[in-house]
Amino acid sequence: MATEVEAQVTGSVWKIEKQVGDALEEDDVILILESMKMEIPVEAPVAGRLDELRVAEGDHVEEGTVLAVIA
């Protein structure tokens, strides 16, 4: 079953740490958002494989935007 990873804040994608196909452990940092001059790591809520990355570095995202899918 796939797990969607959502943005918890509005901001910009500052850095992508993992790529599609990478194995993930729970709490691995997938990407880092920048919001109000703060860097906010987005972590994998479950272990699995990064199946889909729906954003690119520099993209602006709203809270609740699906950033990635873990299979």
N, C-alpha and C. Protein backbone atom coordinates (compact mmCIF):
# COMPACT_ATOMS: atom_id res chain seq x y z
N MET A 1 0.85 -1.19 0.00
CA MET A 1 0.00 0.00 0.00
C MET A 1 0.89 1.25 0.00
N ALA A 2 0.59 2.18 -0.86
CA ALA A 2 1.39 3.40 -0.99
C ALA A 2 1.07 4.38 0.13
N THR A 3 2.09 5.12 0.54
CA THR A 3 1.96 6.16 1.56
C THR A 3 2.34 7.49 0.94
N GLU A 4 1.44 8.46 1.00
CA GLU A 4 1.73 9.80 0.49
C GLU A 4 2.38 10.63 1.58
N VAL A 5 3.40 11.38 1.21
CA VAL A 5 4.10 12.27 2.13
C VAL A 5 3.71 13.69 1.77
N GLU A 6 3.10 14.41 2.72
CA GLU A 6 2.58 15.75 2.47
C GLU A 6 3.42 16.82 3.14
N ALA A 7 3.40 18.01 2.57
CA ALA A 7 4.05 19.17 3.18
C ALA A 7 3.28 19.56 4.44
N GLN A 8 3.99 19.77 5.51
CA GLN A 8 3.35 20.20 6.76
C GLN A 8 3.29 21.72 6.88
N VAL A 9 4.01 22.41 5.98
CA VAL A 9 4.03 23.88 5.98
C VAL A 9 4.06 24.37 4.53
N THR A 10 3.72 25.63 4.33
CA THR A 10 3.89 26.28 3.03
C THR A 10 5.33 26.74 2.93
N GLY A 11 5.95 26.49 1.78
CA GLY A 11 7.34 26.91 1.60
C GLY A 11 7.87 26.49 0.25
N SER A 12 9.19 26.46 0.15
CA SER A 12 9.86 26.08 -1.09
C SER A 12 10.70 24.84 -0.86
N VAL A 13 10.80 24.01 -1.90
CA VAL A 13 11.66 22.84 -1.82
C VAL A 13 13.10 23.33 -1.95
N TRP A 14 13.86 23.22 -0.87
CA TRP A 14 15.22 23.73 -0.84
C TRP A 14 16.21 22.70 -1.37
N LYS A 15 16.09 21.45 -0.91
CA LYS A 15 17.02 20.41 -1.33
C LYS A 15 16.35 19.05 -1.31
N ILE A 16 16.57 18.26 -2.36
CA ILE A 16 16.05 16.89 -2.41
C ILE A 16 17.18 15.95 -2.01
N GLU A 17 16.93 15.14 -1.00
CA GLU A 17 17.95 14.25 -0.45
C GLU A 17 17.89 12.84 -1.04
N LYS A 18 16.73 12.38 -1.47
CA LYS A 18 16.55 11.01 -1.99
C LYS A 18 16.00 11.08 -3.40
N GLN A 19 16.22 10.02 -4.15
CA GLN A 19 15.74 9.93 -5.53
C GLN A 19 14.78 8.76 -5.68
N VAL A 20 13.95 8.81 -6.72
CA VAL A 20 13.01 7.72 -7.00
C VAL A 20 13.80 6.41 -7.11
N GLY A 21 13.28 5.39 -6.43
CA GLY A 21 13.92 4.08 -6.42
C GLY A 21 14.76 3.83 -5.19
N ASP A 22 15.10 4.89 -4.44
CA ASP A 22 15.91 4.72 -3.23
C ASP A 22 15.12 3.99 -2.15
N ALA A 23 15.83 3.12 -1.43
CA ALA A 23 15.24 2.46 -0.26
C ALA A 23 15.22 3.47 0.88
N LEU A 24 14.14 3.46 1.65
CA LEU A 24 13.98 4.39 2.77
C LEU A 24 13.73 3.62 4.06
N GLU A 25 14.32 4.09 5.12
CA GLU A 25 13.98 3.65 6.46
C GLU A 25 13.06 4.70 7.06
N GLU A 26 12.26 4.30 8.02
CA GLU A 26 11.41 5.27 8.71
C GLU A 26 12.29 6.39 9.27
N ASP A 27 11.87 7.61 9.11
CA ASP A 27 12.55 8.83 9.57
C ASP A 27 13.71 9.28 8.70
N ASP A 28 14.00 8.61 7.56
CA ASP A 28 14.99 9.13 6.63
C ASP A 28 14.49 10.45 6.07
N VAL A 29 15.39 11.41 5.88
CA VAL A 29 15.02 12.70 5.30
C VAL A 29 14.91 12.54 3.78
N ILE A 30 13.73 12.85 3.25
CA ILE A 30 13.48 12.76 1.81
C ILE A 30 13.87 14.07 1.13
N LEU A 31 13.46 15.18 1.73
CA LEU A 31 13.78 16.49 1.18
C LEU A 31 13.71 17.52 2.29
N ILE A 32 14.16 18.72 1.97
CA ILE A 32 14.15 19.80 2.94
C ILE A 32 13.37 20.97 2.36
N LEU A 33 12.40 21.44 3.14
CA LEU A 33 11.62 22.62 2.77
C LEU A 33 12.21 23.84 3.46
N GLU A 34 12.09 24.99 2.81
CA GLU A 34 12.47 26.25 3.44
C GLU A 34 11.20 27.07 3.61
N SER A 35 10.97 27.50 4.83
CA SER A 35 9.79 28.30 5.14
C SER A 35 10.15 29.33 6.19
N MET A 36 9.90 30.58 5.92
CA MET A 36 10.19 31.67 6.85
C MET A 36 11.65 31.61 7.32
N LYS A 37 12.57 31.37 6.36
CA LYS A 37 14.01 31.32 6.61
C LYS A 37 14.42 30.17 7.52
N MET A 38 13.56 29.17 7.66
CA MET A 38 13.88 27.97 8.45
C MET A 38 13.93 26.77 7.51
N GLU A 39 14.85 25.85 7.76
CA GLU A 39 14.94 24.61 7.00
C GLU A 39 14.17 23.53 7.75
N ILE A 40 13.23 22.90 7.07
CA ILE A 40 12.36 21.91 7.69
C ILE A 40 12.51 20.58 6.97
N PRO A 41 13.13 19.58 7.64
CA PRO A 41 13.28 18.28 6.99
C PRO A 41 11.94 17.56 6.87
N VAL A 42 11.72 16.93 5.73
CA VAL A 42 10.52 16.11 5.51
C VAL A 42 11.00 14.67 5.57
N GLU A 43 10.51 13.93 6.57
CA GLU A 43 10.99 12.57 6.82
C GLU A 43 10.00 11.52 6.34
N ALA A 44 10.53 10.35 6.02
CA ALA A 44 9.69 9.22 5.62
C ALA A 44 8.91 8.73 6.85
N PRO A 45 7.58 8.66 6.76
CA PRO A 45 6.79 8.18 7.90
C PRO A 45 6.84 6.66 8.04
N VAL A 46 7.26 5.97 6.97
CA VAL A 46 7.33 4.51 6.97
C VAL A 46 8.57 4.09 6.16
N ALA A 47 9.01 2.87 6.37
CA ALA A 47 10.09 2.30 5.55
C ALA A 47 9.50 1.84 4.22
N GLY A 48 10.30 1.83 3.18
CA GLY A 48 9.84 1.37 1.87
C GLY A 48 10.77 1.86 0.79
N ARG A 49 10.21 2.07 -0.39
CA ARG A 49 10.96 2.55 -1.54
C ARG A 49 10.31 3.84 -2.03
N LEU A 50 11.13 4.82 -2.37
CA LEU A 50 10.60 6.07 -2.90
C LEU A 50 10.09 5.81 -4.31
N ASP A 51 8.78 5.76 -4.44
CA ASP A 51 8.12 5.37 -5.68
C ASP A 51 7.90 6.57 -6.61
N GLU A 52 7.67 7.73 -6.01
CA GLU A 52 7.34 8.91 -6.82
C GLU A 52 7.77 10.16 -6.07
N LEU A 53 8.35 11.10 -6.78
CA LEU A 53 8.72 12.40 -6.24
C LEU A 53 7.97 13.42 -7.08
N ARG A 54 7.07 14.16 -6.46
CA ARG A 54 6.17 15.06 -7.20
C ARG A 54 6.61 16.51 -7.23
N VAL A 55 7.79 16.79 -6.71
CA VAL A 55 8.30 18.17 -6.69
C VAL A 55 9.75 18.19 -7.16
N ALA A 56 10.24 19.38 -7.47
CA ALA A 56 11.63 19.59 -7.84
C ALA A 56 12.19 20.70 -6.95
N GLU A 57 13.51 20.75 -6.85
CA GLU A 57 14.14 21.83 -6.08
C GLU A 57 13.69 23.17 -6.63
N GLY A 58 13.33 24.08 -5.74
CA GLY A 58 12.87 25.40 -6.13
C GLY A 58 11.36 25.54 -6.22
N ASP A 59 10.64 24.42 -6.26
CA ASP A 59 9.17 24.47 -6.33
C ASP A 59 8.59 25.08 -5.06
N HIS A 60 7.55 25.89 -5.22
CA HIS A 60 6.78 26.41 -4.09
C HIS A 60 5.63 25.44 -3.82
N VAL A 61 5.43 25.08 -2.55
CA VAL A 61 4.36 24.15 -2.19
C VAL A 61 3.51 24.74 -1.07
N GLU A 62 2.27 24.37 -1.09
CA GLU A 62 1.33 24.76 -0.03
C GLU A 62 1.24 23.63 0.99
N GLU A 63 0.85 23.95 2.19
CA GLU A 63 0.62 22.94 3.22
C GLU A 63 -0.39 21.92 2.69
N GLY A 64 -0.10 20.63 2.85
CA GLY A 64 -0.97 19.58 2.39
C GLY A 64 -0.66 19.05 1.00
N THR A 65 0.27 19.71 0.28
CA THR A 65 0.68 19.24 -1.03
C THR A 65 1.38 17.89 -0.90
N VAL A 66 1.04 16.94 -1.77
CA VAL A 66 1.73 15.65 -1.76
C VAL A 66 3.09 15.85 -2.42
N LEU A 67 4.15 15.55 -1.66
CA LEU A 67 5.50 15.75 -2.13
C LEU A 67 6.10 14.48 -2.73
N ALA A 68 5.75 13.34 -2.12
CA ALA A 68 6.35 12.07 -2.53
C ALA A 68 5.42 10.94 -2.19
N VAL A 69 5.66 9.78 -2.82
CA VAL A 69 4.89 8.57 -2.54
C VAL A 69 5.88 7.45 -2.23
N ILE A 70 5.64 6.76 -1.13
CA ILE A 70 6.47 5.63 -0.71
C ILE A 70 5.68 4.35 -0.92
N ALA A 71 6.30 3.39 -1.61
CA ALA A 71 5.63 2.11 -1.84
C ALA A 71 6.24 1.04 -0.95
